[in-house]
Amino acid sequence: VEKTETKSKRFLSWTCVVYPGESLPEKWKEILGDLMIPWAISPVHDQDVNASGEKKKAHRHLLLAFHSVKAYNQVEEITKLLGAPAPQPCRDTRGMVRYFLHLDNPEKAQYKREDIECGGGFDLENALKATATEEEEILDEMCEFIETNWVTEFCDFNSYVRKERKEWRTILRKNCFYLTQIIKSQRHYQEQQIKQENEKKNKT
């Protein structure tokens, strides 16, 4: 009944599972490019296991985010070109992109954000936008990094974030003043410590 209902309804976003190296054509990006569909695809899920603990076949989750609602048969024409099984409607685009990385499933294998690919104008930054709680947790993690690594210059921290921790960029830009004050305070503390050490040496 559910399958019949899905085929009779129209949805804005659809998803399917593709198998790289098997049914997925080598030129799948060109296929999607020609169709001009906003899309995002997960990292290769090669560490997933089933309920019995057996490793699942390596696969990727593909999300098609159309500009207008599409019916099942319209989407199936596209997924057939990609050698994919029957498409499924996606009611939560953000949740799907988070599932690419298993962000909300810590018991499952975790995957890297930089391994997500997208095209056709898909807005990945917005799809992975952190919640208020997540922002606080990320900010705490950033502060801990600054303190643990004795970061004393904002430019050094900014360079590190841009090159190594791109998922921190938005939080950094929203909290520049706060983080700058922490870095300044740490630099001042370090300078005071050095000054005190030098004074002790001079006395002896």
N, C-alpha and C. Protein backbone atom coordinates (compact mmCIF):
# COMPACT_ATOMS: atom_id res chain seq x y z
N VAL A 1 0.83 -1.21 0.00
CA VAL A 1 0.00 0.00 0.00
C VAL A 1 0.86 1.25 0.00
N GLU A 2 1.92 1.25 0.85
CA GLU A 2 2.80 2.41 0.96
C GLU A 2 3.51 2.68 -0.36
N LYS A 3 3.94 1.59 -1.03
CA LYS A 3 4.64 1.74 -2.30
C LYS A 3 3.72 2.34 -3.36
N THR A 4 2.47 1.89 -3.37
CA THR A 4 1.49 2.41 -4.33
C THR A 4 1.22 3.88 -4.05
N GLU A 5 1.14 4.24 -2.76
CA GLU A 5 0.88 5.63 -2.37
C GLU A 5 2.05 6.52 -2.80
N THR A 6 3.27 6.01 -2.62
CA THR A 6 4.45 6.77 -3.02
C THR A 6 4.44 7.04 -4.51
N LYS A 7 4.05 6.05 -5.30
CA LYS A 7 4.04 6.20 -6.75
C LYS A 7 2.96 7.17 -7.23
N SER A 8 1.95 7.37 -6.41
CA SER A 8 0.85 8.25 -6.81
C SER A 8 1.05 9.69 -6.36
N LYS A 9 2.05 9.94 -5.51
CA LYS A 9 2.29 11.29 -4.99
C LYS A 9 3.52 11.92 -5.65
N ARG A 10 3.61 13.23 -5.48
CA ARG A 10 4.74 13.97 -6.04
C ARG A 10 5.52 14.61 -4.90
N PHE A 11 6.84 14.58 -5.00
CA PHE A 11 7.70 15.12 -3.95
C PHE A 11 8.79 16.00 -4.57
N LEU A 12 9.30 16.90 -3.76
CA LEU A 12 10.34 17.81 -4.23
C LEU A 12 11.72 17.13 -4.26
N SER A 13 11.99 16.30 -3.27
CA SER A 13 13.29 15.63 -3.18
C SER A 13 13.14 14.12 -3.16
N TRP A 14 14.08 13.47 -3.79
CA TRP A 14 14.08 12.01 -3.87
C TRP A 14 15.48 11.49 -3.59
N THR A 15 15.55 10.24 -3.15
CA THR A 15 16.85 9.65 -2.85
C THR A 15 16.90 8.21 -3.37
N CYS A 16 18.12 7.74 -3.61
CA CYS A 16 18.30 6.35 -4.00
C CYS A 16 19.71 5.91 -3.59
N VAL A 17 19.93 4.60 -3.62
CA VAL A 17 21.24 4.05 -3.29
C VAL A 17 21.92 3.62 -4.59
N VAL A 18 23.18 4.03 -4.73
CA VAL A 18 23.94 3.65 -5.93
C VAL A 18 25.18 2.86 -5.51
N TYR A 19 25.64 2.03 -6.42
CA TYR A 19 26.77 1.15 -6.12
C TYR A 19 27.95 1.45 -7.05
N PRO A 20 28.92 2.25 -6.56
CA PRO A 20 30.08 2.59 -7.39
C PRO A 20 30.89 1.36 -7.74
N GLY A 21 31.39 1.33 -8.97
CA GLY A 21 32.19 0.18 -9.40
C GLY A 21 31.35 -0.98 -9.88
N GLU A 22 30.03 -0.87 -9.74
CA GLU A 22 29.13 -1.93 -10.19
C GLU A 22 28.11 -1.35 -11.17
N SER A 23 26.92 -1.01 -10.67
CA SER A 23 25.86 -0.53 -11.56
C SER A 23 25.96 0.96 -11.88
N LEU A 24 26.66 1.73 -11.04
CA LEU A 24 26.75 3.18 -11.28
C LEU A 24 27.68 3.46 -12.45
N PRO A 25 27.17 4.14 -13.50
CA PRO A 25 28.02 4.43 -14.66
C PRO A 25 29.19 5.34 -14.29
N GLU A 26 30.28 5.19 -15.01
CA GLU A 26 31.46 6.03 -14.75
C GLU A 26 31.15 7.51 -14.97
N LYS A 27 30.28 7.80 -15.91
CA LYS A 27 29.98 9.19 -16.25
C LYS A 27 28.70 9.69 -15.58
N TRP A 28 28.45 9.24 -14.35
CA TRP A 28 27.22 9.61 -13.68
C TRP A 28 27.13 11.11 -13.42
N LYS A 29 28.26 11.77 -13.18
CA LYS A 29 28.23 13.22 -12.95
C LYS A 29 27.80 13.96 -14.21
N GLU A 30 28.27 13.48 -15.34
CA GLU A 30 27.87 14.09 -16.60
C GLU A 30 26.38 13.93 -16.85
N ILE A 31 25.84 12.76 -16.47
CA ILE A 31 24.40 12.50 -16.64
C ILE A 31 23.59 13.50 -15.84
N LEU A 32 23.98 13.69 -14.57
CA LEU A 32 23.26 14.64 -13.72
C LEU A 32 23.48 16.07 -14.19
N GLY A 33 24.69 16.36 -14.68
CA GLY A 33 24.99 17.69 -15.17
C GLY A 33 24.12 18.07 -16.36
N ASP A 34 23.92 17.12 -17.23
CA ASP A 34 23.08 17.37 -18.40
C ASP A 34 21.63 17.63 -18.02
N LEU A 35 21.19 17.01 -16.93
CA LEU A 35 19.81 17.17 -16.48
C LEU A 35 19.61 18.43 -15.63
N MET A 36 20.74 19.03 -15.20
CA MET A 36 20.72 20.28 -14.41
C MET A 36 19.85 20.15 -13.16
N ILE A 37 20.10 19.09 -12.41
CA ILE A 37 19.39 18.84 -11.16
C ILE A 37 20.33 19.11 -9.98
N PRO A 38 19.89 19.88 -8.98
CA PRO A 38 20.70 20.01 -7.77
C PRO A 38 20.80 18.64 -7.10
N TRP A 39 22.02 18.22 -6.79
CA TRP A 39 22.20 16.89 -6.22
C TRP A 39 23.33 16.89 -5.19
N ALA A 40 23.28 15.91 -4.31
CA ALA A 40 24.35 15.67 -3.34
C ALA A 40 24.48 14.16 -3.18
N ILE A 41 25.71 13.71 -3.00
CA ILE A 41 25.94 12.27 -2.84
C ILE A 41 26.86 12.03 -1.64
N SER A 42 26.55 11.01 -0.91
CA SER A 42 27.30 10.70 0.32
C SER A 42 28.70 10.20 0.01
N PRO A 43 29.57 10.20 1.03
CA PRO A 43 30.84 9.49 0.89
C PRO A 43 30.54 8.02 0.61
N VAL A 44 31.50 7.26 0.16
CA VAL A 44 31.29 5.82 -0.04
C VAL A 44 31.11 5.19 1.34
N HIS A 45 29.95 4.59 1.56
CA HIS A 45 29.68 3.90 2.82
C HIS A 45 30.24 2.48 2.72
N ASP A 46 31.49 2.34 3.12
CA ASP A 46 32.16 1.04 3.03
C ASP A 46 32.46 0.42 4.39
N GLN A 47 31.91 1.05 5.45
CA GLN A 47 32.12 0.52 6.79
C GLN A 47 30.81 0.16 7.49
N ASP A 48 29.70 0.22 6.76
CA ASP A 48 28.40 -0.09 7.35
C ASP A 48 28.25 -1.60 7.55
N VAL A 49 27.55 -1.97 8.61
CA VAL A 49 27.29 -3.39 8.87
C VAL A 49 25.80 -3.59 9.07
N ASN A 50 25.33 -4.80 8.80
CA ASN A 50 23.92 -5.11 9.02
C ASN A 50 23.71 -5.61 10.44
N ALA A 51 22.48 -6.00 10.75
CA ALA A 51 22.12 -6.40 12.12
C ALA A 51 22.95 -7.57 12.63
N SER A 52 23.39 -8.44 11.73
CA SER A 52 24.17 -9.62 12.14
C SER A 52 25.67 -9.32 12.26
N GLY A 53 26.05 -8.07 11.95
CA GLY A 53 27.44 -7.69 12.07
C GLY A 53 28.24 -7.86 10.80
N GLU A 54 27.59 -8.32 9.72
CA GLU A 54 28.28 -8.49 8.45
C GLU A 54 28.39 -7.15 7.72
N LYS A 55 29.53 -6.92 7.07
CA LYS A 55 29.74 -5.66 6.36
C LYS A 55 28.84 -5.59 5.12
N LYS A 56 28.20 -4.45 4.95
CA LYS A 56 27.34 -4.24 3.80
C LYS A 56 28.17 -3.93 2.55
N LYS A 57 27.57 -4.15 1.39
CA LYS A 57 28.23 -3.81 0.13
C LYS A 57 28.46 -2.30 0.09
N ALA A 58 29.63 -1.89 -0.39
CA ALA A 58 29.93 -0.46 -0.48
C ALA A 58 28.89 0.25 -1.35
N HIS A 59 28.39 1.37 -0.86
CA HIS A 59 27.34 2.09 -1.56
C HIS A 59 27.41 3.58 -1.26
N ARG A 60 26.64 4.35 -2.00
CA ARG A 60 26.52 5.78 -1.75
C ARG A 60 25.04 6.16 -1.80
N HIS A 61 24.67 7.15 -1.01
CA HIS A 61 23.30 7.65 -1.01
C HIS A 61 23.25 8.91 -1.86
N LEU A 62 22.38 8.91 -2.85
CA LEU A 62 22.24 10.06 -3.75
C LEU A 62 20.94 10.79 -3.46
N LEU A 63 21.04 12.11 -3.32
CA LEU A 63 19.88 12.95 -3.08
C LEU A 63 19.66 13.86 -4.28
N LEU A 64 18.46 13.82 -4.82
CA LEU A 64 18.08 14.69 -5.94
C LEU A 64 17.09 15.72 -5.42
N ALA A 65 17.48 17.00 -5.46
CA ALA A 65 16.63 18.07 -4.91
C ALA A 65 16.09 18.91 -6.05
N PHE A 66 14.95 18.53 -6.57
CA PHE A 66 14.37 19.18 -7.74
C PHE A 66 13.85 20.58 -7.41
N HIS A 67 13.70 21.40 -8.46
CA HIS A 67 13.16 22.75 -8.29
C HIS A 67 11.63 22.72 -8.21
N SER A 68 11.04 21.63 -8.68
CA SER A 68 9.58 21.47 -8.60
C SER A 68 9.27 20.01 -8.29
N VAL A 69 8.10 19.75 -7.76
CA VAL A 69 7.75 18.39 -7.34
C VAL A 69 7.73 17.44 -8.54
N LYS A 70 8.16 16.21 -8.28
CA LYS A 70 8.22 15.20 -9.33
C LYS A 70 7.51 13.93 -8.88
N ALA A 71 6.93 13.24 -9.85
CA ALA A 71 6.26 11.97 -9.57
C ALA A 71 7.28 10.84 -9.66
N TYR A 72 6.89 9.70 -9.10
CA TYR A 72 7.79 8.54 -9.04
C TYR A 72 8.31 8.16 -10.43
N ASN A 73 7.44 8.09 -11.39
CA ASN A 73 7.88 7.64 -12.73
C ASN A 73 8.85 8.61 -13.39
N GLN A 74 8.72 9.91 -13.07
CA GLN A 74 9.65 10.89 -13.60
C GLN A 74 11.06 10.70 -13.02
N VAL A 75 11.10 10.43 -11.73
CA VAL A 75 12.38 10.25 -11.04
C VAL A 75 13.00 8.90 -11.42
N GLU A 76 12.15 7.90 -11.59
CA GLU A 76 12.65 6.57 -11.94
C GLU A 76 13.39 6.59 -13.28
N GLU A 77 12.95 7.42 -14.19
CA GLU A 77 13.63 7.54 -15.49
C GLU A 77 15.08 7.98 -15.29
N ILE A 78 15.29 8.85 -14.31
CA ILE A 78 16.64 9.35 -14.02
C ILE A 78 17.46 8.30 -13.28
N THR A 79 16.87 7.68 -12.26
CA THR A 79 17.64 6.70 -11.48
C THR A 79 18.00 5.47 -12.30
N LYS A 80 17.19 5.16 -13.30
CA LYS A 80 17.53 4.04 -14.19
C LYS A 80 18.81 4.35 -14.96
N LEU A 81 18.99 5.62 -15.33
CA LEU A 81 20.21 6.03 -16.03
C LEU A 81 21.44 5.85 -15.14
N LEU A 82 21.21 5.85 -13.82
CA LEU A 82 22.29 5.72 -12.85
C LEU A 82 22.43 4.29 -12.33
N GLY A 83 21.65 3.39 -12.89
CA GLY A 83 21.71 2.00 -12.47
C GLY A 83 21.28 1.79 -11.04
N ALA A 84 20.40 2.65 -10.56
CA ALA A 84 19.98 2.60 -9.15
C ALA A 84 18.65 1.87 -8.99
N PRO A 85 18.44 1.29 -7.81
CA PRO A 85 17.14 0.67 -7.51
C PRO A 85 16.05 1.74 -7.44
N ALA A 86 14.86 1.32 -7.12
CA ALA A 86 13.71 2.23 -7.07
C ALA A 86 13.98 3.42 -6.15
N PRO A 87 13.70 4.65 -6.62
CA PRO A 87 13.91 5.84 -5.79
C PRO A 87 12.89 5.92 -4.67
N GLN A 88 13.26 6.64 -3.62
CA GLN A 88 12.38 6.85 -2.48
C GLN A 88 12.22 8.35 -2.25
N PRO A 89 11.02 8.80 -1.88
CA PRO A 89 10.85 10.22 -1.58
C PRO A 89 11.63 10.61 -0.33
N CYS A 90 12.14 11.83 -0.33
CA CYS A 90 12.87 12.34 0.82
C CYS A 90 12.10 13.51 1.42
N ARG A 91 11.59 13.32 2.60
CA ARG A 91 10.76 14.35 3.24
C ARG A 91 11.59 15.33 4.07
N ASP A 92 12.85 15.01 4.31
CA ASP A 92 13.73 15.86 5.13
C ASP A 92 15.11 15.91 4.50
N THR A 93 15.33 16.91 3.66
CA THR A 93 16.60 17.03 2.95
C THR A 93 17.77 17.17 3.93
N ARG A 94 17.60 18.01 4.93
CA ARG A 94 18.68 18.22 5.90
C ARG A 94 19.01 16.93 6.64
N GLY A 95 17.95 16.20 7.04
CA GLY A 95 18.16 14.94 7.74
C GLY A 95 18.89 13.93 6.87
N MET A 96 18.58 13.95 5.57
CA MET A 96 19.22 13.01 4.65
C MET A 96 20.70 13.31 4.51
N VAL A 97 21.03 14.59 4.35
CA VAL A 97 22.44 14.96 4.22
C VAL A 97 23.20 14.64 5.50
N ARG A 98 22.58 14.82 6.64
CA ARG A 98 23.22 14.45 7.90
C ARG A 98 23.43 12.94 7.97
N TYR A 99 22.48 12.20 7.38
CA TYR A 99 22.62 10.74 7.36
C TYR A 99 23.80 10.32 6.49
N PHE A 100 24.13 11.12 5.49
CA PHE A 100 25.32 10.83 4.67
C PHE A 100 26.53 10.56 5.57
N LEU A 101 26.61 11.31 6.68
CA LEU A 101 27.76 11.23 7.58
C LEU A 101 27.45 10.46 8.85
N HIS A 102 26.17 10.04 9.01
CA HIS A 102 25.70 9.38 10.23
C HIS A 102 25.87 10.29 11.45
N LEU A 103 25.67 11.59 11.25
CA LEU A 103 25.85 12.55 12.34
C LEU A 103 24.93 12.27 13.52
N ASP A 104 23.74 11.80 13.25
CA ASP A 104 22.78 11.54 14.32
C ASP A 104 22.72 10.06 14.70
N ASN A 105 23.69 9.30 14.21
CA ASN A 105 23.76 7.87 14.51
C ASN A 105 25.18 7.49 14.95
N PRO A 106 25.56 7.92 16.17
CA PRO A 106 26.94 7.68 16.64
C PRO A 106 27.31 6.21 16.73
N GLU A 107 26.31 5.33 16.76
CA GLU A 107 26.59 3.89 16.84
C GLU A 107 27.02 3.34 15.48
N LYS A 108 26.81 4.13 14.42
CA LYS A 108 27.18 3.68 13.08
C LYS A 108 28.54 4.27 12.67
N ALA A 109 29.12 3.71 11.60
CA ALA A 109 30.38 4.22 11.09
C ALA A 109 30.23 5.69 10.73
N GLN A 110 31.22 6.51 11.09
CA GLN A 110 31.17 7.93 10.80
C GLN A 110 31.99 8.24 9.54
N TYR A 111 31.48 9.16 8.74
CA TYR A 111 32.14 9.51 7.49
C TYR A 111 32.47 11.00 7.46
N LYS A 112 33.38 11.40 6.56
CA LYS A 112 33.90 12.76 6.54
C LYS A 112 33.09 13.69 5.65
N ARG A 113 32.87 14.88 6.16
CA ARG A 113 32.11 15.90 5.42
C ARG A 113 32.74 16.22 4.07
N GLU A 114 34.09 16.28 4.04
CA GLU A 114 34.75 16.65 2.79
C GLU A 114 34.58 15.61 1.69
N ASP A 115 34.09 14.42 2.04
CA ASP A 115 33.87 13.37 1.05
C ASP A 115 32.48 13.42 0.43
N ILE A 116 31.65 14.37 0.89
CA ILE A 116 30.36 14.60 0.24
C ILE A 116 30.62 15.36 -1.05
N GLU A 117 29.97 14.95 -2.12
CA GLU A 117 30.06 15.67 -3.39
C GLU A 117 28.68 16.23 -3.73
N CYS A 118 28.66 17.35 -4.40
CA CYS A 118 27.37 17.91 -4.80
C CYS A 118 27.54 18.72 -6.08
N GLY A 119 26.43 19.03 -6.72
CA GLY A 119 26.46 19.78 -7.97
C GLY A 119 25.10 20.34 -8.30
N GLY A 120 25.02 21.05 -9.41
CA GLY A 120 23.75 21.62 -9.83
C GLY A 120 23.23 22.73 -8.95
N GLY A 121 24.14 23.33 -8.15
CA GLY A 121 23.72 24.42 -7.27
C GLY A 121 23.20 23.97 -5.92
N PHE A 122 23.43 22.70 -5.57
CA PHE A 122 22.96 22.21 -4.26
C PHE A 122 23.68 22.97 -3.15
N ASP A 123 22.92 23.47 -2.17
CA ASP A 123 23.47 24.27 -1.07
C ASP A 123 23.83 23.36 0.10
N LEU A 124 25.06 22.85 0.08
CA LEU A 124 25.50 21.92 1.13
C LEU A 124 25.65 22.61 2.48
N GLU A 125 26.16 23.84 2.47
CA GLU A 125 26.37 24.57 3.72
C GLU A 125 25.06 24.72 4.49
N ASN A 126 24.00 25.08 3.77
CA ASN A 126 22.71 25.27 4.41
C ASN A 126 22.14 23.94 4.89
N ALA A 127 22.35 22.88 4.10
CA ALA A 127 21.83 21.56 4.47
C ALA A 127 22.48 21.03 5.74
N LEU A 128 23.74 21.41 5.96
CA LEU A 128 24.46 20.92 7.14
C LEU A 128 24.57 21.99 8.23
N LYS A 129 23.76 23.03 8.13
CA LYS A 129 23.80 24.10 9.12
C LYS A 129 23.54 23.54 10.51
N ALA A 130 24.38 23.92 11.43
CA ALA A 130 24.30 23.39 12.79
C ALA A 130 23.11 23.96 13.56
N THR A 131 22.54 23.16 14.45
CA THR A 131 21.49 23.65 15.35
C THR A 131 22.16 24.50 16.43
N ALA A 132 21.34 25.20 17.22
CA ALA A 132 21.89 26.05 18.28
C ALA A 132 22.73 25.22 19.26
N THR A 133 22.23 24.04 19.61
CA THR A 133 22.97 23.17 20.54
C THR A 133 24.29 22.71 19.92
N GLU A 134 24.24 22.34 18.65
CA GLU A 134 25.46 21.91 17.96
C GLU A 134 26.46 23.05 17.86
N GLU A 135 25.97 24.28 17.64
CA GLU A 135 26.86 25.44 17.57
C GLU A 135 27.60 25.63 18.89
N GLU A 136 26.89 25.46 19.99
CA GLU A 136 27.52 25.60 21.31
C GLU A 136 28.59 24.54 21.51
N GLU A 137 28.29 23.32 21.09
CA GLU A 137 29.25 22.23 21.23
C GLU A 137 30.50 22.47 20.37
N ILE A 138 30.27 22.96 19.14
CA ILE A 138 31.39 23.25 18.25
C ILE A 138 32.24 24.40 18.81
N LEU A 139 31.57 25.40 19.37
CA LEU A 139 32.29 26.53 19.95
C LEU A 139 33.14 26.08 21.13
N ASP A 140 32.61 25.19 21.95
CA ASP A 140 33.38 24.62 23.06
C ASP A 140 34.60 23.87 22.55
N GLU A 141 34.40 23.13 21.45
CA GLU A 141 35.50 22.36 20.85
C GLU A 141 36.58 23.30 20.32
N MET A 142 36.16 24.42 19.74
CA MET A 142 37.11 25.40 19.22
C MET A 142 37.91 26.03 20.35
N CYS A 143 37.23 26.36 21.43
CA CYS A 143 37.90 26.95 22.58
C CYS A 143 38.92 25.98 23.17
N GLU A 144 38.53 24.73 23.26
CA GLU A 144 39.44 23.72 23.80
C GLU A 144 40.68 23.59 22.91
N PHE A 145 40.47 23.66 21.59
CA PHE A 145 41.60 23.58 20.67
C PHE A 145 42.55 24.76 20.88
N ILE A 146 42.00 25.95 21.02
CA ILE A 146 42.80 27.16 21.23
C ILE A 146 43.61 27.05 22.51
N GLU A 147 42.97 26.57 23.57
CA GLU A 147 43.65 26.47 24.86
C GLU A 147 44.70 25.36 24.87
N THR A 148 44.35 24.21 24.31
CA THR A 148 45.26 23.06 24.31
C THR A 148 46.50 23.31 23.46
N ASN A 149 46.31 24.01 22.34
CA ASN A 149 47.42 24.24 21.41
C ASN A 149 48.08 25.61 21.58
N TRP A 150 47.70 26.32 22.62
CA TRP A 150 48.27 27.63 22.93
C TRP A 150 48.29 28.55 21.70
N VAL A 151 47.12 28.66 21.09
CA VAL A 151 46.98 29.57 19.95
C VAL A 151 47.01 31.00 20.47
N THR A 152 47.91 31.83 19.92
CA THR A 152 48.04 33.21 20.40
C THR A 152 47.80 34.26 19.31
N GLU A 153 47.51 33.81 18.09
CA GLU A 153 47.22 34.75 17.01
C GLU A 153 45.96 34.30 16.27
N PHE A 154 45.02 35.22 16.11
CA PHE A 154 43.77 34.88 15.43
C PHE A 154 44.02 34.45 13.99
N CYS A 155 44.98 35.08 13.32
CA CYS A 155 45.25 34.74 11.92
C CYS A 155 45.70 33.28 11.78
N ASP A 156 46.45 32.78 12.76
CA ASP A 156 46.88 31.39 12.72
C ASP A 156 45.69 30.45 12.87
N PHE A 157 44.78 30.81 13.78
CA PHE A 157 43.60 29.97 14.01
C PHE A 157 42.68 30.00 12.79
N ASN A 158 42.51 31.18 12.21
CA ASN A 158 41.67 31.33 11.03
C ASN A 158 42.23 30.50 9.87
N SER A 159 43.53 30.52 9.70
CA SER A 159 44.17 29.75 8.63
C SER A 159 43.97 28.25 8.86
N TYR A 160 44.09 27.82 10.11
CA TYR A 160 43.90 26.40 10.45
C TYR A 160 42.47 25.96 10.12
N VAL A 161 41.50 26.78 10.49
CA VAL A 161 40.09 26.45 10.25
C VAL A 161 39.82 26.35 8.75
N ARG A 162 40.31 27.31 7.99
CA ARG A 162 40.06 27.30 6.54
C ARG A 162 40.67 26.08 5.85
N LYS A 163 41.82 25.63 6.34
CA LYS A 163 42.51 24.54 5.67
C LYS A 163 42.17 23.15 6.24
N GLU A 164 41.99 23.08 7.56
CA GLU A 164 41.85 21.78 8.21
C GLU A 164 40.47 21.48 8.79
N ARG A 165 39.73 22.51 9.19
CA ARG A 165 38.44 22.28 9.85
C ARG A 165 37.37 23.15 9.21
N LYS A 166 37.06 22.87 7.95
CA LYS A 166 36.12 23.72 7.22
C LYS A 166 34.73 23.74 7.84
N GLU A 167 34.40 22.68 8.59
CA GLU A 167 33.08 22.63 9.23
C GLU A 167 32.96 23.67 10.35
N TRP A 168 34.09 24.28 10.76
CA TRP A 168 34.08 25.31 11.80
C TRP A 168 33.91 26.73 11.23
N ARG A 169 34.00 26.89 9.92
CA ARG A 169 34.08 28.23 9.34
C ARG A 169 32.91 29.14 9.73
N THR A 170 31.69 28.64 9.58
CA THR A 170 30.52 29.47 9.88
C THR A 170 30.50 29.89 11.34
N ILE A 171 30.81 28.97 12.24
CA ILE A 171 30.81 29.28 13.68
C ILE A 171 31.91 30.28 13.99
N LEU A 172 33.06 30.13 13.35
CA LEU A 172 34.17 31.06 13.56
C LEU A 172 33.75 32.48 13.19
N ARG A 173 33.13 32.63 12.02
CA ARG A 173 32.77 33.96 11.54
C ARG A 173 31.66 34.60 12.37
N LYS A 174 30.82 33.77 12.96
CA LYS A 174 29.75 34.30 13.81
C LYS A 174 30.25 34.68 15.20
N ASN A 175 31.42 34.13 15.57
CA ASN A 175 31.92 34.34 16.93
C ASN A 175 33.34 34.90 16.95
N CYS A 176 33.65 35.71 15.93
CA CYS A 176 35.00 36.27 15.80
C CYS A 176 35.44 37.03 17.06
N PHE A 177 34.57 37.93 17.54
CA PHE A 177 34.95 38.77 18.69
C PHE A 177 35.24 37.91 19.92
N TYR A 178 34.33 36.98 20.20
CA TYR A 178 34.48 36.10 21.37
C TYR A 178 35.79 35.31 21.30
N LEU A 179 36.05 34.69 20.14
CA LEU A 179 37.26 33.88 19.99
C LEU A 179 38.52 34.73 20.00
N THR A 180 38.43 35.94 19.45
CA THR A 180 39.58 36.85 19.46
C THR A 180 39.94 37.22 20.90
N GLN A 181 38.94 37.44 21.73
CA GLN A 181 39.20 37.78 23.13
C GLN A 181 39.87 36.63 23.88
N ILE A 182 39.45 35.41 23.59
CA ILE A 182 40.08 34.25 24.22
C ILE A 182 41.54 34.14 23.80
N ILE A 183 41.78 34.33 22.49
CA ILE A 183 43.14 34.23 21.98
C ILE A 183 44.01 35.35 22.56
N LYS A 184 43.47 36.57 22.64
CA LYS A 184 44.20 37.69 23.23
C LYS A 184 44.55 37.41 24.69
N SER A 185 43.56 36.89 25.41
CA SER A 185 43.76 36.58 26.83
C SER A 185 44.84 35.51 26.99
N GLN A 186 44.81 34.54 26.12
CA GLN A 186 45.81 33.48 26.20
C GLN A 186 47.21 34.02 25.88
N ARG A 187 47.28 34.91 24.89
CA ARG A 187 48.57 35.52 24.54
C ARG A 187 49.10 36.35 25.71
N HIS A 188 48.21 37.11 26.35
CA HIS A 188 48.60 37.92 27.50
C HIS A 188 49.10 37.04 28.64
N TYR A 189 48.38 35.96 28.88
CA TYR A 189 48.78 35.03 29.95
C TYR A 189 50.16 34.45 29.66
N GLN A 190 50.37 34.06 28.41
CA GLN A 190 51.66 33.49 28.03
C GLN A 190 52.78 34.52 28.19
N GLU A 191 52.52 35.77 27.80
CA GLU A 191 53.51 36.83 27.94
C GLU A 191 53.85 37.07 29.42
N GLN A 192 52.82 37.02 30.27
CA GLN A 192 53.04 37.20 31.71
C GLN A 192 53.88 36.07 32.29
N GLN A 193 53.59 34.86 31.83
CA GLN A 193 54.36 33.71 32.31
C GLN A 193 55.83 33.83 31.92
N ILE A 194 56.07 34.23 30.69
CA ILE A 194 57.45 34.40 30.21
C ILE A 194 58.16 35.51 31.00
N LYS A 195 57.42 36.60 31.25
CA LYS A 195 57.97 37.71 31.99
C LYS A 195 58.37 37.29 33.40
N GLN A 196 57.49 36.53 34.06
CA GLN A 196 57.77 36.06 35.41
C GLN A 196 58.97 35.11 35.45
N GLU A 197 59.06 34.25 34.43
CA GLU A 197 60.19 33.32 34.34
C GLU A 197 61.50 34.09 34.17
N ASN A 198 61.46 35.12 33.33
CA ASN A 198 62.66 35.93 33.11
C ASN A 198 63.08 36.69 34.36
N GLU A 199 62.10 37.17 35.11
CA GLU A 199 62.39 37.88 36.35
C GLU A 199 63.03 36.94 37.38
N LYS A 200 62.54 35.72 37.43
CA LYS A 200 63.12 34.73 38.35
C LYS A 200 64.57 34.43 37.97
N LYS A 201 64.82 34.30 36.68
CA LYS A 201 66.19 34.03 36.21
C LYS A 201 67.13 35.18 36.54
N ASN A 202 66.63 36.40 36.37
CA ASN A 202 67.46 37.58 36.64
C ASN A 202 67.81 37.70 38.10
N LYS A 203 66.89 37.30 38.97
CA LYS A 203 67.13 37.37 40.41
C LYS A 203 68.19 36.38 40.86
N THR A 204 68.22 35.24 40.17
CA THR A 204 69.20 34.21 40.53
C THR A 204 70.52 34.47 39.82
